[in-house]
Amino acid sequence: METTPNRTSEMKQYKHIFFDLDHTIWDFDKNAEETLHELYHVHQLNAIGLTSANLFIETYTRHNHQLWAQYHLGEISKDELREARFKKTFIELGLHPDTIPADFEDAYVKLCPTKTNLFPHAHETLQYLQQKYTLHLISNGFKESQQLKIAGSNLAGYFQHIIVSEDAGVNKPDKAIFEYALNLAGAAKYESVMIGDSLEADVYGALHFGIDAIYFNPFNAPQPNDVPVQITHLKELTLML
């Protein structure tokens, strides 16, 4: 954990903590991997030429991350993201478009949000923070999927407000979604902090809006010089907040 010199004293002033959900609390990649392994066998992808489940998952993950980055920035729509991620994956792996399973995306969207893998110490950390702060979620994820994830993982009780970009009308990092969230929470900028894994959407989005941010960096990617605070484990929050 790296902080600016007097960061601990500043953090004691917070009243509201805004969390991202996917890749921050809910382990998106682990849940997606479980889902894709199941669907690989259910849809018998081996029989249509995809002989490696792991290569299929790696290829999908790369395309999905790229498309989500575009979605965060408003470059593509929800429907475009959902239409493209498996199509790009299958075609890159050599399948003709006519052989792509027609209902694969729908099956994925139904199954994946029911998975319940969270990052280590998620419940423990949220229980601790809930006693000291008012917690909220701000997510760019799709509303119906996020509702399933939150309910299935028993997360709803921690958060006073759950803000989904579809309701706000804009995605992180747009300043408008942070303004929407703070107005809904009745929170001032100086008493609020955003915690998330996405440098662009969560960290820079919050900082450019004028609230503090903590970068959740579980895979120890290089920490940019202009990111003042990062954690690699959620439990670190119980020591610093």
C-alpha atoms as a PDB file:
ATOM      1  CA  MET A   1       0.000   0.000   0.000  1.00  0.00           C
ATOM      2  CA  GLU A   2       1.343   3.401  -0.940  1.00  0.00           C
ATOM      3  CA  THR A   3      -0.047   6.677   0.319  1.00  0.00           C
ATOM      4  CA  THR A   4       0.801  10.336   0.276  1.00  0.00           C
ATOM      5  CA  PRO A   5       2.468  11.535   3.504  1.00  0.00           C
ATOM      6  CA  ASN A   6      -0.592  12.755   5.436  1.00  0.00           C
ATOM      7  CA  ARG A   7      -3.162  10.559   3.778  1.00  0.00           C
ATOM      8  CA  THR A   8      -4.211   8.720   6.947  1.00  0.00           C
ATOM      9  CA  SER A   9      -5.357  11.897   8.671  1.00  0.00           C
ATOM     10  CA  GLU A  10      -7.296  12.964   5.585  1.00  0.00           C
ATOM     11  CA  MET A  11      -9.086   9.631   5.376  1.00  0.00           C
ATOM     12  CA  LYS A  12     -10.552  10.073   8.862  1.00  0.00           C
ATOM     13  CA  GLN A  13     -12.752  12.832   7.444  1.00  0.00           C
ATOM     14  CA  TYR A  14     -14.618  10.549   5.046  1.00  0.00           C
ATOM     15  CA  LYS A  15     -18.284   9.823   5.612  1.00  0.00           C
ATOM     16  CA  HIS A  16     -19.197   8.171   2.305  1.00  0.00           C
ATOM     17  CA  ILE A  17     -17.365   5.399   0.468  1.00  0.00           C
ATOM     18  CA  PHE A  18     -18.323   4.601  -3.114  1.00  0.00           C
ATOM     19  CA  PHE A  19     -17.278   1.185  -4.413  1.00  0.00           C
ATOM     20  CA  ASP A  20     -17.091  -0.254  -7.881  1.00  0.00           C
ATOM     21  CA  LEU A  21     -18.548  -3.777  -8.128  1.00  0.00           C
ATOM     22  CA  ASP A  22     -17.021  -5.812 -10.971  1.00  0.00           C
ATOM     23  CA  HIS A  23     -13.299  -6.545 -10.606  1.00  0.00           C
ATOM     24  CA  THR A  24     -13.331  -4.790  -7.216  1.00  0.00           C
ATOM     25  CA  ILE A  25     -15.736  -6.716  -4.975  1.00  0.00           C
ATOM     26  CA  TRP A  26     -17.275  -9.268  -7.335  1.00  0.00           C
ATOM     27  CA  ASP A  27     -14.506 -11.294  -8.995  1.00  0.00           C
ATOM     28  CA  PHE A  28     -15.612 -10.863 -12.597  1.00  0.00           C
ATOM     29  CA  ASP A  29     -12.832 -12.854 -14.247  1.00  0.00           C
ATOM     30  CA  LYS A  30     -13.120 -15.833 -11.896  1.00  0.00           C
ATOM     31  CA  ASN A  31     -16.889 -15.947 -12.271  1.00  0.00           C
ATOM     32  CA  ALA A  32     -16.653 -15.578 -16.039  1.00  0.00           C
ATOM     33  CA  GLU A  33     -14.078 -18.363 -16.224  1.00  0.00           C
ATOM     34  CA  GLU A  34     -16.335 -20.749 -14.273  1.00  0.00           C
ATOM     35  CA  THR A  35     -19.259 -19.837 -16.513  1.00  0.00           C
ATOM     36  CA  LEU A  36     -17.330 -20.316 -19.747  1.00  0.00           C
ATOM     37  CA  HIS A  37     -15.953 -23.678 -18.694  1.00  0.00           C
ATOM     38  CA  GLU A  38     -19.513 -24.845 -18.076  1.00  0.00           C
ATOM     39  CA  LEU A  39     -20.828 -23.444 -21.347  1.00  0.00           C
ATOM     40  CA  TYR A  40     -17.880 -24.850 -23.285  1.00  0.00           C
ATOM     41  CA  HIS A  41     -19.050 -28.339 -22.356  1.00  0.00           C
ATOM     42  CA  VAL A  42     -22.795 -27.686 -22.529  1.00  0.00           C
ATOM     43  CA  HIS A  43     -22.501 -26.267 -26.046  1.00  0.00           C
ATOM     44  CA  GLN A  44     -19.924 -28.902 -27.048  1.00  0.00           C
ATOM     45  CA  LEU A  45     -17.550 -26.319 -28.482  1.00  0.00           C
ATOM     46  CA  ASN A  46     -14.907 -28.998 -28.895  1.00  0.00           C
ATOM     47  CA  ALA A  47     -17.105 -30.588 -31.563  1.00  0.00           C
ATOM     48  CA  ILE A  48     -17.150 -27.417 -33.679  1.00  0.00           C
ATOM     49  CA  GLY A  49     -13.392 -26.944 -33.660  1.00  0.00           C
ATOM     50  CA  LEU A  50     -12.546 -25.163 -30.404  1.00  0.00           C
ATOM     51  CA  THR A  51     -10.259 -27.779 -28.899  1.00  0.00           C
ATOM     52  CA  SER A  52      -8.961 -25.704 -25.976  1.00  0.00           C
ATOM     53  CA  ALA A  53     -11.320 -24.333 -23.341  1.00  0.00           C
ATOM     54  CA  ASN A  54      -8.496 -22.281 -21.858  1.00  0.00           C
ATOM     55  CA  LEU A  55      -7.637 -20.627 -25.166  1.00  0.00           C
ATOM     56  CA  PHE A  56     -11.322 -19.877 -25.706  1.00  0.00           C
ATOM     57  CA  ILE A  57     -11.545 -18.225 -22.276  1.00  0.00           C
ATOM     58  CA  GLU A  58      -8.304 -16.247 -22.714  1.00  0.00           C
ATOM     59  CA  THR A  59      -9.445 -14.956 -26.101  1.00  0.00           C
ATOM     60  CA  TYR A  60     -12.871 -14.011 -24.799  1.00  0.00           C
ATOM     61  CA  THR A  61     -11.397 -12.252 -21.756  1.00  0.00           C
ATOM     62  CA  ARG A  62      -9.146 -10.108 -23.932  1.00  0.00           C
ATOM     63  CA  HIS A  63     -11.990  -9.060 -26.229  1.00  0.00           C
ATOM     64  CA  ASN A  64     -14.361  -8.489 -23.327  1.00  0.00           C
ATOM     65  CA  HIS A  65     -11.919  -6.204 -21.520  1.00  0.00           C
ATOM     66  CA  GLN A  66     -11.306  -4.192 -24.698  1.00  0.00           C
ATOM     67  CA  LEU A  67     -15.014  -3.808 -25.366  1.00  0.00           C
ATOM     68  CA  TRP A  68     -15.759  -2.796 -21.786  1.00  0.00           C
ATOM     69  CA  ALA A  69     -13.089  -0.099 -22.042  1.00  0.00           C
ATOM     70  CA  GLN A  70     -14.922   1.227 -25.113  1.00  0.00           C
ATOM     71  CA  TYR A  71     -18.259   0.985 -23.294  1.00  0.00           C
ATOM     72  CA  HIS A  72     -16.910   2.976 -20.322  1.00  0.00           C
ATOM     73  CA  LEU A  73     -15.982   5.765 -22.722  1.00  0.00           C
ATOM     74  CA  GLY A  74     -19.342   5.704 -24.478  1.00  0.00           C
ATOM     75  CA  GLU A  75     -17.848   4.493 -27.755  1.00  0.00           C
ATOM     76  CA  ILE A  76     -20.165   1.477 -28.023  1.00  0.00           C
ATOM     77  CA  SER A  77     -23.583   0.614 -26.638  1.00  0.00           C
ATOM     78  CA  LYS A  78     -24.647  -2.214 -24.347  1.00  0.00           C
ATOM     79  CA  ASP A  79     -26.122  -4.094 -27.295  1.00  0.00           C
ATOM     80  CA  GLU A  80     -22.981  -3.622 -29.380  1.00  0.00           C
ATOM     81  CA  LEU A  81     -20.816  -4.949 -26.559  1.00  0.00           C
ATOM     82  CA  ARG A  82     -22.964  -8.025 -26.104  1.00  0.00           C
ATOM     83  CA  GLU A  83     -23.158  -8.688 -29.813  1.00  0.00           C
ATOM     84  CA  ALA A  84     -19.421  -8.340 -30.391  1.00  0.00           C
ATOM     85  CA  ARG A  85     -17.615 -10.079 -27.531  1.00  0.00           C
ATOM     86  CA  PHE A  86     -18.363 -13.698 -28.419  1.00  0.00           C
ATOM     87  CA  LYS A  87     -18.584 -13.052 -32.141  1.00  0.00           C
ATOM     88  CA  LYS A  88     -15.047 -11.624 -32.114  1.00  0.00           C
ATOM     89  CA  THR A  89     -13.859 -14.534 -29.980  1.00  0.00           C
ATOM     90  CA  PHE A  90     -15.313 -17.261 -32.167  1.00  0.00           C
ATOM     91  CA  ILE A  91     -14.145 -15.674 -35.406  1.00  0.00           C
ATOM     92  CA  GLU A  92     -10.598 -15.119 -34.115  1.00  0.00           C
ATOM     93  CA  LEU A  93     -10.472 -18.801 -33.187  1.00  0.00           C
ATOM     94  CA  GLY A  94     -11.401 -19.804 -36.727  1.00  0.00           C
ATOM     95  CA  LEU A  95     -15.137 -20.389 -36.637  1.00  0.00           C
ATOM     96  CA  HIS A  96     -17.291 -19.277 -39.543  1.00  0.00           C
ATOM     97  CA  PRO A  97     -20.003 -16.851 -38.377  1.00  0.00           C
ATOM     98  CA  ASP A  98     -22.699 -19.308 -39.446  1.00  0.00           C
ATOM     99  CA  THR A  99     -21.379 -21.919 -37.005  1.00  0.00           C
ATOM    100  CA  ILE A 100     -21.403 -19.667 -33.925  1.00  0.00           C
ATOM    101  CA  PRO A 101     -23.937 -20.970 -31.368  1.00  0.00           C
ATOM    102  CA  ALA A 102     -26.847 -18.550 -31.636  1.00  0.00           C
ATOM    103  CA  ASP A 103     -27.821 -18.585 -27.965  1.00  0.00           C
ATOM    104  CA  PHE A 104     -24.345 -18.525 -26.436  1.00  0.00           C
ATOM    105  CA  GLU A 105     -24.451 -14.874 -25.348  1.00  0.00           C
ATOM    106  CA  ASP A 106     -27.891 -15.309 -23.785  1.00  0.00           C
ATOM    107  CA  ALA A 107     -26.754 -18.408 -21.912  1.00  0.00           C
ATOM    108  CA  TYR A 108     -23.700 -16.559 -20.629  1.00  0.00           C
ATOM    109  CA  VAL A 109     -25.727 -13.534 -19.489  1.00  0.00           C
ATOM    110  CA  LYS A 110     -28.128 -15.789 -17.588  1.00  0.00           C
ATOM    111  CA  LEU A 111     -25.494 -17.931 -15.901  1.00  0.00           C
ATOM    112  CA  CYS A 112     -22.565 -15.648 -15.106  1.00  0.00           C
ATOM    113  CA  PRO A 113     -24.366 -13.208 -12.766  1.00  0.00           C
ATOM    114  CA  THR A 114     -25.462 -16.138 -10.585  1.00  0.00           C
ATOM    115  CA  LYS A 115     -21.845 -16.888  -9.691  1.00  0.00           C
ATOM    116  CA  THR A 116     -20.777 -15.706  -6.252  1.00  0.00           C
ATOM    117  CA  ASN A 117     -16.970 -15.533  -6.171  1.00  0.00           C
ATOM    118  CA  LEU A 118     -15.827 -12.356  -4.440  1.00  0.00           C
ATOM    119  CA  PHE A 119     -12.337 -11.014  -3.859  1.00  0.00           C
ATOM    120  CA  PRO A 120     -10.785 -12.255  -0.597  1.00  0.00           C
ATOM    121  CA  HIS A 121     -12.088 -10.638   2.598  1.00  0.00           C
ATOM    122  CA  ALA A 122     -14.872  -8.778   0.769  1.00  0.00           C
ATOM    123  CA  HIS A 123     -17.579  -9.463   3.351  1.00  0.00           C
ATOM    124  CA  GLU A 124     -15.220  -8.947   6.270  1.00  0.00           C
ATOM    125  CA  THR A 125     -14.044  -5.611   4.892  1.00  0.00           C
ATOM    126  CA  LEU A 126     -17.528  -4.347   4.053  1.00  0.00           C
ATOM    127  CA  GLN A 127     -18.827  -5.342   7.496  1.00  0.00           C
ATOM    128  CA  TYR A 128     -16.026  -3.354   9.106  1.00  0.00           C
ATOM    129  CA  LEU A 129     -16.466  -0.277   6.925  1.00  0.00           C
ATOM    130  CA  GLN A 130     -20.244  -0.290   7.277  1.00  0.00           C
ATOM    131  CA  GLN A 131     -19.860   0.409  10.993  1.00  0.00           C
ATOM    132  CA  LYS A 132     -17.904   3.599  10.314  1.00  0.00           C
ATOM    133  CA  TYR A 133     -19.074   4.921   6.940  1.00  0.00           C
ATOM    134  CA  THR A 134     -22.071   5.016   4.648  1.00  0.00           C
ATOM    135  CA  LEU A 135     -21.324   2.731   1.711  1.00  0.00           C
ATOM    136  CA  HIS A 136     -22.581   2.981  -1.863  1.00  0.00           C
ATOM    137  CA  LEU A 137     -21.952   1.255  -5.194  1.00  0.00           C
ATOM    138  CA  ILE A 138     -21.351   2.922  -8.559  1.00  0.00           C
ATOM    139  CA  SER A 139     -21.286   0.433 -11.420  1.00  0.00           C
ATOM    140  CA  ASN A 140     -21.110   0.591 -15.203  1.00  0.00           C
ATOM    141  CA  GLY A 141     -22.423  -2.958 -15.340  1.00  0.00           C
ATOM    142  CA  PHE A 142     -25.775  -3.818 -16.839  1.00  0.00           C
ATOM    143  CA  LYS A 143     -28.623  -3.291 -14.384  1.00  0.00           C
ATOM    144  CA  GLU A 144     -30.271  -6.699 -14.521  1.00  0.00           C
ATOM    145  CA  SER A 145     -26.926  -8.487 -14.205  1.00  0.00           C
ATOM    146  CA  GLN A 146     -25.766  -6.324 -11.309  1.00  0.00           C
ATOM    147  CA  GLN A 147     -28.974  -6.965  -9.398  1.00  0.00           C
ATOM    148  CA  LEU A 148     -28.422 -10.724  -9.707  1.00  0.00           C
ATOM    149  CA  LYS A 149     -24.784 -10.465  -8.637  1.00  0.00           C
ATOM    150  CA  ILE A 150     -25.567  -8.336  -5.617  1.00  0.00           C
ATOM    151  CA  ALA A 151     -28.474 -10.480  -4.457  1.00  0.00           C
ATOM    152  CA  GLY A 152     -26.714 -13.803  -5.023  1.00  0.00           C
ATOM    153  CA  SER A 153     -23.572 -12.668  -3.211  1.00  0.00           C
ATOM    154  CA  ASN A 154     -25.474 -11.183  -0.237  1.00  0.00           C
ATOM    155  CA  LEU A 155     -24.044  -7.712  -0.828  1.00  0.00           C
ATOM    156  CA  ALA A 156     -27.165  -5.540  -0.865  1.00  0.00           C
ATOM    157  CA  GLY A 157     -27.274  -4.991   2.886  1.00  0.00           C
ATOM    158  CA  TYR A 158     -23.969  -3.140   2.935  1.00  0.00           C
ATOM    159  CA  PHE A 159     -24.940  -0.337   0.583  1.00  0.00           C
ATOM    160  CA  GLN A 160     -27.299   2.576   1.084  1.00  0.00           C
ATOM    161  CA  HIS A 161     -27.439   3.317  -2.637  1.00  0.00           C
ATOM    162  CA  ILE A 162     -26.643   1.215  -5.686  1.00  0.00           C
ATOM    163  CA  ILE A 163     -26.042   3.451  -8.679  1.00  0.00           C
ATOM    164  CA  VAL A 164     -25.977   1.764 -12.079  1.00  0.00           C
ATOM    165  CA  SER A 165     -24.912   3.730 -15.132  1.00  0.00           C
ATOM    166  CA  GLU A 166     -28.074   2.757 -17.006  1.00  0.00           C
ATOM    167  CA  ASP A 167     -30.112   4.605 -14.372  1.00  0.00           C
ATOM    168  CA  ALA A 168     -27.766   7.588 -14.250  1.00  0.00           C
ATOM    169  CA  GLY A 169     -27.743   7.864 -18.052  1.00  0.00           C
ATOM    170  CA  VAL A 170     -23.936   8.075 -18.231  1.00  0.00           C
ATOM    171  CA  ASN A 171     -20.979   5.794 -17.537  1.00  0.00           C
ATOM    172  CA  LYS A 172     -17.952   6.287 -15.343  1.00  0.00           C
ATOM    173  CA  PRO A 173     -15.650   8.194 -15.910  1.00  0.00           C
ATOM    174  CA  ASP A 174     -18.186  10.881 -16.881  1.00  0.00           C
ATOM    175  CA  LYS A 175     -18.364  13.473 -14.112  1.00  0.00           C
ATOM    176  CA  ALA A 176     -22.148  13.386 -14.317  1.00  0.00           C
ATOM    177  CA  ILE A 177     -22.419   9.914 -12.793  1.00  0.00           C
ATOM    178  CA  PHE A 178     -20.342  10.958  -9.782  1.00  0.00           C
ATOM    179  CA  GLU A 179     -22.468  14.084  -9.371  1.00  0.00           C
ATOM    180  CA  TYR A 180     -25.590  11.926  -9.645  1.00  0.00           C
ATOM    181  CA  ALA A 181     -24.243   9.541  -6.991  1.00  0.00           C
ATOM    182  CA  LEU A 182     -23.213  12.251  -4.534  1.00  0.00           C
ATOM    183  CA  ASN A 183     -26.546  14.055  -4.898  1.00  0.00           C
ATOM    184  CA  LEU A 184     -28.410  10.800  -4.293  1.00  0.00           C
ATOM    185  CA  ALA A 185     -26.295  10.076  -1.227  1.00  0.00           C
ATOM    186  CA  GLY A 186     -26.429  13.622   0.096  1.00  0.00           C
ATOM    187  CA  ALA A 187     -22.631  13.570   0.209  1.00  0.00           C
ATOM    188  CA  ALA A 188     -20.094  16.356  -0.225  1.00  0.00           C
ATOM    189  CA  LYS A 189     -16.985  15.892  -2.325  1.00  0.00           C
ATOM    190  CA  TYR A 190     -14.563  16.387   0.564  1.00  0.00           C
ATOM    191  CA  GLU A 191     -16.198  13.616   2.603  1.00  0.00           C
ATOM    192  CA  SER A 192     -16.316  11.048  -0.217  1.00  0.00           C
ATOM    193  CA  VAL A 193     -13.893   8.527  -1.705  1.00  0.00           C
ATOM    194  CA  MET A 194     -14.187   6.165  -4.677  1.00  0.00           C
ATOM    195  CA  ILE A 195     -12.627   2.682  -4.652  1.00  0.00           C
ATOM    196  CA  GLY A 196     -12.252   0.710  -7.863  1.00  0.00           C
ATOM    197  CA  ASP A 197     -10.021  -1.307 -10.157  1.00  0.00           C
ATOM    198  CA  SER A 198     -10.325   0.763 -13.313  1.00  0.00           C
ATOM    199  CA  LEU A 199      -7.833   3.586 -13.591  1.00  0.00           C
ATOM    200  CA  GLU A 200      -9.860   5.286 -16.310  1.00  0.00           C
ATOM    201  CA  ALA A 201     -13.396   4.750 -15.025  1.00  0.00           C
ATOM    202  CA  ASP A 202     -12.985   4.715 -11.255  1.00  0.00           C
ATOM    203  CA  VAL A 203      -9.769   6.440 -10.262  1.00  0.00           C
ATOM    204  CA  TYR A 204      -9.316   9.170 -12.864  1.00  0.00           C
ATOM    205  CA  GLY A 205     -13.066   9.588 -13.150  1.00  0.00           C
ATOM    206  CA  ALA A 206     -13.322  10.345  -9.442  1.00  0.00           C
ATOM    207  CA  LEU A 207     -10.192  12.481  -9.275  1.00  0.00           C
ATOM    208  CA  HIS A 208     -11.250  14.604 -12.249  1.00  0.00           C
ATOM    209  CA  PHE A 209     -14.648  15.093 -10.627  1.00  0.00           C
ATOM    210  CA  GLY A 210     -12.948  16.292  -7.460  1.00  0.00           C
ATOM    211  CA  ILE A 211     -13.237  13.412  -5.007  1.00  0.00           C
ATOM    212  CA  ASP A 212     -10.502  11.176  -3.663  1.00  0.00           C
ATOM    213  CA  ALA A 213      -9.897   7.728  -5.077  1.00  0.00           C
ATOM    214  CA  ILE A 214      -8.227   4.498  -4.020  1.00  0.00           C
ATOM    215  CA  TYR A 215      -6.930   2.240  -6.783  1.00  0.00           C
ATOM    216  CA  PHE A 216      -7.707  -1.439  -6.206  1.00  0.00           C
ATOM    217  CA  ASN A 217      -4.796  -3.205  -7.883  1.00  0.00           C
ATOM    218  CA  PRO A 218      -4.955  -6.907  -6.956  1.00  0.00           C
ATOM    219  CA  PHE A 219      -2.567  -8.018  -9.695  1.00  0.00           C
ATOM    220  CA  ASN A 220       0.135  -5.469  -8.856  1.00  0.00           C
ATOM    221  CA  ALA A 221       0.089  -3.620 -12.156  1.00  0.00           C
ATOM    222  CA  PRO A 222       2.460  -0.639 -12.220  1.00  0.00           C
ATOM    223  CA  GLN A 223       1.044   2.222 -10.150  1.00  0.00           C
ATOM    224  CA  PRO A 224       0.946   5.459 -12.154  1.00  0.00           C
ATOM    225  CA  ASN A 225       2.658   8.423 -10.559  1.00  0.00           C
ATOM    226  CA  ASP A 226      -0.568  10.429 -10.552  1.00  0.00           C
ATOM    227  CA  VAL A 227      -2.481   7.798  -8.573  1.00  0.00           C
ATOM    228  CA  PRO A 228      -1.930   8.748  -4.927  1.00  0.00           C
ATOM    229  CA  VAL A 229      -3.303   5.677  -3.141  1.00  0.00           C
ATOM    230  CA  GLN A 230      -3.544   2.029  -4.066  1.00  0.00           C
ATOM    231  CA  ILE A 231      -4.325  -1.254  -2.340  1.00  0.00           C
ATOM    232  CA  THR A 232      -3.715  -4.801  -3.502  1.00  0.00           C
ATOM    233  CA  HIS A 233      -6.080  -6.509  -1.011  1.00  0.00           C
ATOM    234  CA  LEU A 234      -9.466  -5.331   0.189  1.00  0.00           C
ATOM    235  CA  LYS A 235      -8.507  -6.018   3.797  1.00  0.00           C
ATOM    236  CA  GLU A 236      -5.991  -3.170   3.604  1.00  0.00           C
ATOM    237  CA  LEU A 237      -8.977  -0.825   3.773  1.00  0.00           C
ATOM    238  CA  THR A 238      -9.601  -1.874   7.378  1.00  0.00           C
ATOM    239  CA  LEU A 239      -6.149  -0.569   8.292  1.00  0.00           C
ATOM    240  CA  MET A 240      -6.254   2.702   6.400  1.00  0.00           C
ATOM    241  CA  LEU A 241      -9.874   3.857   6.790  1.00  0.00           C
END
